[in-house]
Protein backbone atom coordinates (compact mmCIF):
# COMPACT_ATOMS: atom_id res chain seq x y z
CA MET A 1 4.22 -12.60 -12.31
CA LYS A 2 5.56 -15.73 -12.94
CA ASN A 3 8.17 -17.18 -9.59
CA VAL A 4 12.14 -16.42 -10.76
CA ASN A 5 14.73 -18.73 -9.77
CA LYS A 6 17.93 -17.68 -8.71
CA PRO A 7 21.02 -19.50 -10.10
CA ALA A 8 23.16 -20.74 -7.13
CA MET A 9 25.76 -18.78 -8.71
CA ARG A 10 23.97 -15.41 -8.24
CA SER A 11 23.17 -16.46 -4.57
CA ALA A 12 26.75 -16.53 -4.49
CA ALA A 13 27.01 -13.47 -5.62
CA LEU A 14 24.81 -11.98 -3.64
CA ALA A 15 26.32 -13.61 -0.19
CA LEU A 16 29.09 -12.46 -0.88
CA GLY A 17 28.27 -8.66 -1.88
CA ALA A 18 26.16 -8.69 1.51
CA ALA A 19 29.44 -10.07 3.38
CA LEU A 20 31.93 -7.49 1.69
CA VAL A 21 29.35 -4.95 2.36
CA VAL A 22 27.70 -5.23 5.33
CA PRO A 23 30.62 -4.89 7.61
CA MET A 24 31.25 -1.70 5.85
CA LEU A 25 27.70 -0.42 6.52
CA ALA A 26 27.87 -1.49 10.26
CA GLN A 27 30.93 0.37 10.62
CA ALA A 28 29.69 3.60 9.35
CA GLU A 29 26.64 2.96 11.83
CA GLU A 30 29.09 2.39 14.78
CA ALA A 31 30.16 5.42 14.03
CA GLY A 32 26.88 7.69 14.36
CA LEU A 33 24.97 8.89 11.59
CA ASP A 34 27.49 12.29 10.24
CA ALA A 35 29.59 9.07 9.63
CA LEU A 36 26.80 6.96 7.72
CA ILE A 37 26.42 10.72 5.61
CA GLU A 38 29.61 11.06 5.13
CA ALA A 39 30.40 7.22 3.06
CA ALA A 40 27.35 8.18 1.15
CA LYS A 41 28.75 11.39 0.11
CA ALA A 42 31.53 8.86 -2.05
CA GLU A 43 29.07 7.31 -4.03
CA PRO A 44 27.37 7.47 -7.16
CA GLN A 45 23.92 8.95 -7.40
CA LEU A 46 20.79 7.25 -5.85
CA THR A 47 17.83 6.48 -7.25
CA VAL A 48 14.47 5.72 -5.47
CA TYR A 49 11.21 4.52 -7.44
CA ASP A 50 7.98 4.93 -5.83
CA SER A 51 4.46 4.58 -7.01
CA THR A 52 3.36 8.40 -5.90
CA GLY A 53 4.92 11.01 -8.44
CA LYS A 54 5.92 13.18 -4.77
CA ILE A 55 8.94 11.00 -4.64
CA VAL A 56 10.48 13.84 -6.64
CA THR A 57 10.31 15.84 -4.17
CA VAL A 58 10.98 13.76 -1.65
CA VAL A 59 14.04 12.68 -2.50
CA GLU A 60 14.96 16.83 -4.02
CA ASN A 61 14.54 17.27 -0.22
CA PHE A 62 16.81 14.50 0.86
CA ALA A 63 19.63 15.11 -1.74
CA GLU A 64 19.46 18.94 -1.17
CA LYS A 65 20.02 18.10 2.86
CA TYR A 66 22.68 15.71 2.72
CA GLY A 67 24.35 16.97 -0.37
CA LEU A 68 24.02 14.15 -2.18
CA ASP A 69 23.56 13.11 -5.63
CA ALA A 70 19.87 11.19 -5.81
CA ILE A 71 16.74 11.04 -7.94
CA GLY A 72 13.47 9.63 -7.25
CA GLN A 73 11.57 8.18 -10.02
CA LYS A 74 7.30 7.38 -9.94
CA VAL A 75 7.21 3.48 -11.25
CA SER A 76 4.16 1.51 -10.25
CA ALA A 77 4.19 -1.86 -7.71
CA THR A 78 4.37 -4.09 -10.09
CA ALA A 79 6.71 -2.48 -12.78
CA GLN A 80 9.31 -2.36 -9.63
CA LEU A 81 8.80 -5.58 -9.69
CA GLU A 82 9.81 -6.41 -12.86
CA MET A 83 12.58 -3.98 -12.82
CA VAL A 84 14.51 -5.14 -9.87
CA ILE A 85 14.54 -8.46 -10.81
CA ARG A 86 15.64 -8.04 -14.45
CA GLU A 87 17.76 -4.93 -13.05
CA SER A 88 19.08 -7.76 -10.42
CA GLN A 89 19.56 -10.35 -13.06
CA ALA A 90 21.83 -8.59 -15.23
CA ASP A 91 24.05 -7.11 -12.37
CA ASN A 92 23.02 -3.56 -13.55
CA VAL A 93 21.24 -2.51 -10.71
CA LYS A 94 19.37 1.14 -10.72
CA GLY A 95 16.72 1.03 -8.62
CA ASP A 96 18.93 1.65 -5.19
CA VAL A 97 15.66 2.43 -3.09
CA LEU A 98 11.91 0.42 -3.79
CA MET A 99 9.04 2.23 -1.88
CA ILE A 100 6.82 -0.72 -2.98
CA THR A 101 2.72 -0.83 -2.28
CA ASP A 102 2.98 -4.63 -3.23
CA ALA A 103 3.91 -6.23 0.24
CA PRO A 104 3.19 -9.82 -0.54
CA ALA A 105 4.96 -9.78 -3.79
CA ALA A 106 8.05 -8.11 -1.98
CA LEU A 107 7.73 -11.54 0.40
CA ALA A 108 7.19 -13.51 -1.97
CA GLN A 109 9.64 -12.98 -4.52
CA LEU A 110 12.12 -10.16 -3.48
CA ILE A 111 13.36 -10.90 -0.09
CA PRO A 112 13.70 -14.21 -0.50
CA GLN A 113 15.52 -14.55 -3.61
CA GLY A 114 17.58 -11.90 -2.42
CA PHE A 115 17.02 -8.95 -4.95
CA VAL A 116 16.42 -6.25 -1.84
CA HIS A 117 16.44 -6.31 2.23
CA SER A 118 15.04 -4.88 4.46
CA TYR A 119 16.86 -2.01 6.77
CA LEU A 120 15.92 -1.11 10.39
CA PRO A 121 18.12 2.14 11.03
CA PRO A 122 19.23 1.81 14.68
CA ASP A 123 17.86 4.73 15.95
CA MET A 124 14.69 4.61 14.95
CA ALA A 125 13.83 0.66 16.57
CA ASP A 126 12.21 2.50 19.63
CA VAL A 127 10.19 4.40 17.73
CA ILE A 128 8.68 2.03 14.77
CA PRO A 129 6.45 -0.59 16.29
CA THR A 130 8.08 -4.24 15.76
CA ILE A 131 4.92 -5.36 13.54
CA TYR A 132 6.53 -2.57 10.64
CA GLN A 133 10.56 -3.12 11.53
CA ASP A 134 10.94 -6.67 9.21
CA PRO A 135 10.30 -6.04 6.20
CA MET A 136 10.02 -2.30 6.65
CA THR A 137 7.10 -0.54 6.53
CA ALA A 138 7.79 3.34 6.26
CA THR A 139 3.80 3.95 5.80
CA THR A 140 0.49 2.60 6.02
CA ASN A 141 -2.24 3.49 3.22
CA ALA A 142 -5.67 3.26 3.10
CA ASN A 143 -8.71 2.63 0.69
CA VAL A 144 -12.14 4.07 2.23
CA PHE A 145 -15.76 4.06 1.44
CA ALA A 146 -16.98 6.89 0.24
CA TYR A 147 -20.39 9.28 -0.81
CA ASN A 148 -21.87 12.45 -2.60
CA THR A 149 -22.11 15.40 0.22
CA GLU A 150 -24.17 17.31 -2.15
CA VAL A 151 -26.97 14.12 -2.72
CA HIS A 152 -26.62 12.62 0.35
CA ASP A 153 -26.55 14.56 4.01
CA SER A 154 -24.94 11.31 5.88
CA CYS A 155 -23.68 8.10 4.38
CA PRO A 156 -26.42 6.41 2.59
CA VAL A 157 -25.01 2.69 3.72
CA SER A 158 -24.76 1.46 7.24
CA ASN A 159 -23.33 -2.41 5.94
CA ILE A 160 -21.31 -3.67 3.85
CA TRP A 161 -24.15 -6.11 2.83
CA GLU A 162 -25.94 -3.22 1.54
CA LEU A 163 -23.93 -3.14 -1.43
CA THR A 164 -24.75 -6.76 -2.82
CA ASP A 165 -28.83 -5.63 -2.16
CA GLU A 166 -30.40 -4.29 -5.54
CA GLU A 167 -30.81 -0.58 -4.50
CA TRP A 168 -27.02 -0.71 -4.93
CA THR A 169 -27.09 -2.79 -8.01
CA ARG A 170 -24.95 -0.48 -10.83
CA LYS A 171 -24.33 2.18 -8.61
CA PHE A 172 -20.87 1.27 -6.01
CA ALA A 173 -17.80 1.91 -7.63
CA MET A 174 -14.34 0.47 -6.97
CA ILE A 175 -10.95 -0.13 -9.13
CA ASP A 176 -11.12 -3.53 -11.03
CA PRO A 177 -9.71 -6.57 -8.57
CA LEU A 178 -8.03 -8.01 -11.71
CA THR A 179 -6.23 -5.14 -12.19
CA LYS A 180 -4.87 -4.06 -9.11
CA ALA A 181 -3.74 -6.82 -6.45
CA SER A 182 -4.23 -5.05 -3.59
CA TYR A 183 -8.01 -5.64 -3.69
CA THR A 184 -7.62 -9.24 -3.80
CA ASP A 185 -5.05 -8.86 -1.01
CA TRP A 186 -8.06 -7.58 0.82
CA PHE A 187 -10.53 -10.32 -0.29
CA SER A 188 -8.01 -12.53 0.91
CA GLN A 189 -7.33 -11.01 4.46
CA MET A 190 -10.33 -10.44 5.33
CA GLU A 191 -11.19 -14.25 4.70
CA SER A 192 -8.16 -15.26 6.67
CA HIS A 193 -8.49 -12.63 9.91
CA HIS A 194 -11.88 -11.29 9.88
CA ASP A 195 -14.50 -13.66 7.99
CA ASP A 196 -16.48 -13.88 11.54
CA ALA A 197 -16.90 -9.98 11.43
CA VAL A 198 -18.70 -10.24 7.96
CA ARG A 199 -20.33 -13.19 8.70
CA ASP A 200 -21.97 -10.76 11.78
CA ALA A 201 -22.70 -7.95 9.51
CA TYR A 202 -24.83 -10.48 7.60
CA GLU A 203 -26.95 -11.30 10.94
CA ALA A 204 -26.66 -7.40 11.87
CA HIS A 205 -28.22 -6.69 7.97
CA TYR A 206 -30.71 -8.99 7.55
CA GLY A 207 -31.65 -10.81 10.71
CA LYS A 208 -31.14 -13.98 10.67
CA PRO A 209 -27.64 -16.10 10.83
CA LEU A 210 -25.83 -16.35 7.17
CA VAL A 211 -26.26 -19.98 5.09
CA THR A 212 -23.88 -20.10 1.85
CA GLU A 213 -22.48 -23.15 0.28
CA PHE A 214 -19.15 -21.00 0.30
CA ASP A 215 -16.43 -21.98 2.89
CA SER A 216 -16.17 -18.68 3.94
CA ALA A 217 -18.89 -15.43 4.77
CA THR A 218 -16.05 -13.51 2.90
CA LYS A 219 -16.53 -15.73 -0.15
CA ARG A 220 -20.28 -14.98 -0.43
CA TRP A 221 -19.82 -11.31 0.12
CA VAL A 222 -17.27 -11.36 -2.69
CA ALA A 223 -19.67 -13.25 -4.72
CA ASP A 224 -22.68 -11.60 -4.48
CA LEU A 225 -20.69 -7.87 -4.44
CA GLY A 226 -19.54 -8.86 -8.19
CA ALA A 227 -23.18 -10.46 -8.80
CA ASN A 228 -24.60 -6.84 -8.31
CA ALA A 229 -22.47 -5.11 -10.99
CA PRO A 230 -20.54 -2.64 -9.45
CA LEU A 231 -18.75 -0.25 -11.63
CA VAL A 232 -15.22 -1.44 -12.02
CA THR A 233 -12.77 1.40 -12.58
CA ASP A 234 -9.02 1.69 -14.19
CA GLY A 235 -7.63 3.92 -11.21
CA ASP A 236 -8.78 5.70 -8.27
CA ASP A 237 -9.45 9.29 -10.51
CA ASN A 238 -12.01 7.79 -11.92
CA THR A 239 -13.88 6.04 -8.58
CA SER A 240 -13.39 10.01 -7.47
CA ALA A 241 -15.18 11.10 -10.14
CA ALA A 242 -18.00 8.87 -9.92
CA VAL A 243 -18.76 9.26 -6.37
CA GLY A 244 -17.75 13.08 -6.41
CA ALA A 245 -18.45 14.75 -9.33
CA PRO A 246 -20.72 17.52 -8.31
CA GLY A 247 -23.86 18.24 -10.25
CA GLN A 248 -25.17 14.25 -10.17
CA GLU A 249 -28.59 13.31 -9.40
CA THR A 250 -27.77 9.63 -8.63
CA PRO A 251 -23.86 9.45 -7.57
CA PHE A 252 -22.07 6.22 -6.82
CA PHE A 253 -21.08 4.91 -3.82
CA GLY A 254 -17.33 4.09 -3.56
CA LEU A 255 -13.93 2.59 -2.53
CA MET A 256 -10.93 4.32 -3.11
CA SER A 257 -7.77 5.56 -1.83
CA SER A 258 -7.81 8.13 1.37
CA ALA A 259 -5.29 10.33 -1.38
CA LYS A 260 -7.82 11.33 -3.55
CA PHE A 261 -10.10 13.18 -0.81
CA ARG A 262 -7.39 16.39 -2.15
CA ASP A 263 -9.93 16.37 -5.39
CA VAL A 264 -11.93 17.78 -2.33
CA GLU A 265 -10.35 21.05 -3.36
CA ALA A 266 -8.69 20.78 -6.12
CA LYS A 267 -11.35 19.60 -8.71
CA GLY A 268 -15.04 20.84 -6.08
CA HIS A 269 -15.76 17.48 -5.69
CA LYS A 270 -18.60 16.87 -3.00
CA MET A 271 -17.65 13.81 -1.05
CA ALA A 272 -16.91 12.36 2.43
CA ILE A 273 -15.45 9.17 3.97
CA CYS A 274 -18.37 6.92 5.04
CA ASP A 275 -17.41 7.53 8.33
CA THR A 276 -20.36 5.00 9.90
CA LEU A 277 -20.12 1.46 7.86
CA GLU A 278 -20.05 -1.50 9.20
CA PRO A 279 -17.85 -3.66 10.15
CA TRP A 280 -14.94 -1.64 9.00
CA VAL A 281 -14.90 2.27 6.89
CA GLY A 282 -12.06 0.96 5.27
CA TRP A 283 -9.18 -1.16 4.96
CA THR A 284 -5.08 -0.71 4.82
CA TYR A 285 -2.39 -1.82 3.04
CA SER A 286 1.40 -1.29 3.70
CA LYS A 287 4.05 0.58 1.61
CA LEU A 288 7.37 -0.80 2.06
CA ALA A 289 11.38 0.60 2.41
CA LEU A 290 13.44 -1.83 0.44
CA ILE A 291 16.60 -1.36 -0.39
CA ALA A 292 18.34 -3.30 -4.10
CA SER A 293 20.42 -5.84 -2.75
CA GLY A 294 23.31 -4.87 -5.52
CA THR A 295 23.24 -1.26 -5.17
CA ASP A 296 26.54 1.00 -5.17
CA SER A 297 25.34 3.38 -2.80
CA PRO A 298 24.54 1.54 -0.24
CA ASN A 299 25.22 4.27 2.39
CA ALA A 300 23.53 6.32 0.56
CA ALA A 301 20.11 4.07 0.45
CA LYS A 302 20.19 3.39 4.23
CA LEU A 303 20.32 7.23 4.93
CA PHE A 304 17.85 7.46 2.38
CA VAL A 305 15.41 4.56 4.34
CA HIS A 306 16.47 6.63 7.63
CA PHE A 307 15.11 9.94 6.06
CA ILE A 308 11.74 8.62 4.81
CA LEU A 309 10.63 7.70 8.44
CA THR A 310 11.60 10.78 9.51
CA GLU A 311 8.66 13.39 9.41
CA GLU A 312 10.40 16.18 7.51
CA GLY A 313 10.95 12.87 4.52
CA ILE A 314 7.62 11.22 4.96
CA GLY A 315 5.76 15.09 5.09
CA PRO A 316 4.98 15.34 1.17
CA GLN A 317 3.19 12.23 1.28
CA MET A 318 1.50 12.74 4.86
CA VAL A 319 -0.55 15.33 2.94
CA ASP A 320 -2.41 12.67 0.56
CA GLY A 321 -3.56 10.63 3.96
CA LYS A 322 -0.10 7.96 4.10
CA VAL A 323 0.50 7.33 7.32
CA PRO A 324 3.91 7.24 8.86
CA THR A 325 5.03 3.83 10.84
CA ASN A 326 6.90 6.44 13.37
CA SER A 327 4.54 6.48 16.23
CA THR A 328 6.30 10.26 17.15
CA ILE A 329 4.34 11.73 13.98
CA SER A 330 1.58 13.34 13.72
CA MET A 331 -0.91 13.40 11.03
CA PRO A 332 -0.76 17.31 9.43
CA ALA A 333 -4.23 19.45 10.05
CA ASN A 334 -4.40 20.41 6.61
CA GLU A 335 -4.58 16.26 5.26
CA PRO A 336 -8.19 16.24 3.73
CA SER A 337 -9.95 12.96 4.29
CA GLY A 338 -9.47 13.14 8.08
CA ILE A 339 -7.97 9.31 7.78
CA ILE A 340 -6.28 9.38 10.81
CA ASP A 341 -9.40 9.90 13.36
CA LEU A 342 -11.07 7.02 11.87
CA TRP A 343 -8.15 4.54 12.07
CA ASP A 344 -9.47 2.37 14.47
CA ASN A 345 -12.15 1.56 12.42
CA LEU A 346 -10.52 0.22 9.53
CA LEU A 347 -9.17 -3.29 8.38
CA ALA A 348 -5.56 -3.63 9.12
CA TYR A 349 -3.24 -4.96 6.87
CA ASP A 350 -1.17 -8.19 8.60
CA SER A 351 1.70 -8.85 7.05
CA ALA A 352 2.16 -11.99 8.79
CA THR A 353 -0.55 -13.61 6.08
CA GLY A 354 1.35 -11.88 3.25
CA LEU A 355 2.64 -15.01 1.49
CA ALA A 356 -1.01 -16.68 1.66
CA ASP A 357 -2.53 -12.93 -0.16
CA TRP A 358 0.46 -13.78 -2.70
CA ASP A 359 -0.56 -17.24 -2.78
CA SER A 360 -4.48 -16.95 -3.45
CA ARG A 361 -4.04 -13.80 -5.36
CA GLN A 362 -4.91 -16.19 -8.44
CA ASP A 363 -7.71 -17.96 -7.10
CA TRP A 364 -9.76 -14.57 -5.55
CA GLN A 365 -9.27 -13.38 -9.08
CA ASP A 366 -10.46 -16.22 -10.71
CA PHE A 367 -12.95 -16.43 -8.52
CA TRP A 368 -14.28 -12.63 -9.40
CA ARG A 369 -14.09 -13.31 -12.68
CA ILE A 370 -16.64 -15.91 -12.51
CA HIS A 371 -19.50 -14.22 -10.08
CA TYR A 372 -18.62 -10.77 -11.77
CA SER A 373 -21.74 -9.00 -13.32
CA ARG A 374 -21.57 -6.40 -16.03
């Protein structure tokens, strides 16, 4: 998506709107949560966008708890970006709260240009780690490497560089990086923060230092991975099936959302996280909770952000492996992937370089196009 330049008049309008709204909200917060609830009841219907269908249930629970008129709509991260910009430019905001997994786009396009703003509920400041407070991050989600347990007694891959070897040619599955930006963000994060780990993994696997014409070990790995003809899918459902569908003789090794481990029970898939993979068993990305600056339900929007940061609010999504940023909340025992036990073995998303992830997306996509072999 091209950058959208907000006209000066739009900036002035947003600034004026913020000046009028913020004092009212501050007064409500000073009076406590009860006052915020009462103020929210006087506002129009609240609409929350999220990329998971479970947002419908979450918002229904929210509306029932507080006696409010609110609805949740499943909207992909890409569509959220387009909708919030167009709605704001038309002065016709429909989506009041965005639960968006494209943190780099929010950091680059939505927040700086005033389309949305971040809000930290005052009583959550002590339980939400500082790194998740601005922009407000509701959950951290994981993509993990997985294998078929019907064919393999244990993970058949021990090092990410093995996926570039002939043994795994056309036997690794993941979402196409050209269609899901979080994958190119992952490449960017590896290069920015963990290139030494990629380089060390090469030496551990091949027994010699990496020598490459590229300016990073990450680029060498991405190039070699693409050249090894992985199966690129259009979504996690297809990756999950390629890895875990029962009755396969030569199943794929794959990379997918931890949420897909609900397919083990729902679809009879036979799979587990490759919990011994080096240097990571997967990687994380963030889901932000942002408020549309032009909302006509600002109190209800803030109340919802507060709600989603509680166990009651985020509970329906936690069973899909979405880990809340609220440090007082424990993952449910029935979460099927067991991802929380492996959390320290994930490449953690660092929003400090989110803008760099955004700026490098096209470069990484072009790099993948050049090196990917069908």
